[in-house]
Amino acid sequence: MAGAAAKTTFYGGPIGSGWLTVAVMRRPLWETLLKDVGSLGSPGSDEIRWLKPGRPGDTLRARFTVVEAIPSRSKPDRGVVRSLSEMLNQHDEVVMTVRGMGMFARRPLTS
């Protein structure tokens, strides 16, 4: 019944929750970046966009891009990284973007 009802919606069929897509993206972010660096937390995300609905049977993958790395002026042992996270479906269509920032420990400078 739910599938038939979903066909009458704006999306023309069942879709996944956008917030579920955000949650799914967090695992590869942890596995490929956060678990191996000195993450000091995040003040939050600036923007989340759901560009296409995720549908049952879709295969999603994540792409992470560092947009800017800003060393702290007052605390040289840390800095802020601005990033763009994207979720793509099996057709390489971007279904979601998240622009965020994180605070990270910096390696000591060597001379």
Protein backbone atom coordinates (compact mmCIF):
# COMPACT_ATOMS: atom_id res chain seq x y z
CA MET A 1 0.00 0.00 0.00
CA ALA A 2 2.79 2.44 0.88
CA GLY A 3 4.44 2.01 -2.54
CA ALA A 4 1.17 2.72 -4.33
CA ALA A 5 0.56 5.79 -2.18
CA ALA A 6 4.12 7.00 -2.81
CA LYS A 7 3.50 6.96 -6.57
CA THR A 8 0.89 9.69 -6.12
CA THR A 9 3.34 12.08 -4.43
CA PHE A 10 5.46 14.83 -5.90
CA TYR A 11 8.39 12.36 -6.08
CA GLY A 12 6.51 9.69 -8.03
CA GLY A 13 7.64 6.85 -5.78
CA PRO A 14 9.22 5.99 -2.44
CA ILE A 15 12.24 8.00 -1.30
CA GLY A 16 14.59 7.88 1.66
CA SER A 17 14.83 10.52 4.34
CA GLY A 18 17.36 13.26 3.65
CA TRP A 19 18.50 13.02 7.26
CA LEU A 20 19.16 9.31 6.77
CA THR A 21 21.42 10.27 3.85
CA VAL A 22 23.32 12.63 6.18
CA ALA A 23 23.70 9.81 8.71
CA VAL A 24 24.91 7.36 6.04
CA MET A 25 27.54 9.90 4.94
CA ARG A 26 29.02 10.10 8.44
CA ARG A 27 30.43 6.54 8.36
CA PRO A 28 32.77 6.98 5.38
CA LEU A 29 33.76 10.40 6.75
CA TRP A 30 34.82 8.71 9.97
CA GLU A 31 36.52 5.79 8.20
CA THR A 32 38.48 7.87 5.67
CA LEU A 33 39.36 10.96 7.70
CA LEU A 34 38.25 11.56 11.24
CA LYS A 35 39.48 8.38 12.94
CA ASP A 36 43.09 9.03 11.89
CA VAL A 37 43.47 12.74 12.64
CA GLY A 38 43.32 15.06 15.62
CA SER A 39 39.70 16.15 15.25
CA LEU A 40 38.82 18.77 17.84
CA GLY A 41 35.12 18.94 17.04
CA SER A 42 33.02 21.09 14.78
CA PRO A 43 31.07 24.30 15.21
CA GLY A 44 28.55 22.88 12.73
CA SER A 45 27.54 22.77 9.11
CA ASP A 46 26.82 25.91 7.12
CA GLU A 47 24.58 24.33 4.51
CA ILE A 48 22.87 21.04 3.69
CA ARG A 49 21.21 20.58 0.30
CA TRP A 50 19.20 17.61 -0.86
CA LEU A 51 19.40 17.87 -4.64
CA LYS A 52 17.80 14.56 -5.66
CA PRO A 53 15.89 12.04 -3.60
CA GLY A 54 17.57 8.83 -2.57
CA ARG A 55 15.44 5.90 -3.69
CA PRO A 56 15.19 2.26 -2.62
CA GLY A 57 17.92 0.27 -4.36
CA ASP A 58 20.23 3.27 -4.88
CA THR A 59 23.93 2.77 -4.22
CA LEU A 60 25.39 5.85 -2.58
CA ARG A 61 29.01 6.86 -2.20
CA ALA A 62 30.60 9.84 -0.49
CA ARG A 63 33.13 12.36 -1.79
CA PHE A 64 34.91 14.75 0.58
CA THR A 65 36.78 17.86 -0.54
CA VAL A 66 38.85 20.24 1.59
CA VAL A 67 37.84 23.70 0.42
CA GLU A 68 40.05 25.72 2.75
CA ALA A 69 42.48 25.10 5.63
CA ILE A 70 42.96 28.05 7.97
CA PRO A 71 45.67 27.96 10.64
CA SER A 72 44.66 29.57 13.93
CA ARG A 73 46.40 32.89 14.55
CA SER A 74 46.19 32.60 18.33
CA LYS A 75 46.72 28.84 18.75
CA PRO A 76 49.32 27.50 16.29
CA ASP A 77 48.65 23.88 17.31
CA ARG A 78 45.23 23.90 15.58
CA GLY A 79 43.25 25.19 12.65
CA VAL A 80 39.90 25.13 10.90
CA VAL A 81 39.11 23.12 7.77
CA ARG A 82 36.16 24.10 5.58
CA SER A 83 34.87 21.17 3.56
CA LEU A 84 32.38 20.08 0.96
CA SER A 85 30.86 16.62 1.42
CA GLU A 86 28.83 15.11 -1.41
CA MET A 87 26.75 11.96 -1.72
CA LEU A 88 26.48 10.53 -5.23
CA ASN A 89 24.21 7.78 -6.51
CA GLN A 90 25.09 4.93 -8.87
CA HIS A 91 24.60 7.28 -11.86
CA ASP A 92 27.21 9.72 -10.44
CA GLU A 93 24.43 12.22 -9.75
CA VAL A 94 25.00 14.37 -6.67
CA VAL A 95 22.04 13.74 -4.39
CA MET A 96 23.22 15.75 -1.36
CA THR A 97 25.84 18.33 -0.40
CA VAL A 98 27.00 19.46 3.03
CA ARG A 99 29.27 22.46 3.56
CA GLY A 100 30.83 22.34 6.96
CA MET A 101 33.84 23.10 9.07
CA GLY A 102 35.91 21.24 11.58
CA MET A 103 38.66 22.10 14.01
CA PHE A 104 41.79 19.98 13.77
CA ALA A 105 45.12 19.65 15.52
CA ARG A 106 48.09 20.69 13.39
CA ARG A 107 51.40 18.90 13.14
CA PRO A 108 54.34 20.74 14.70
CA LEU A 109 56.28 22.83 12.21
CA THR A 110 59.79 21.55 11.61
CA SER A 111 62.68 23.55 10.27
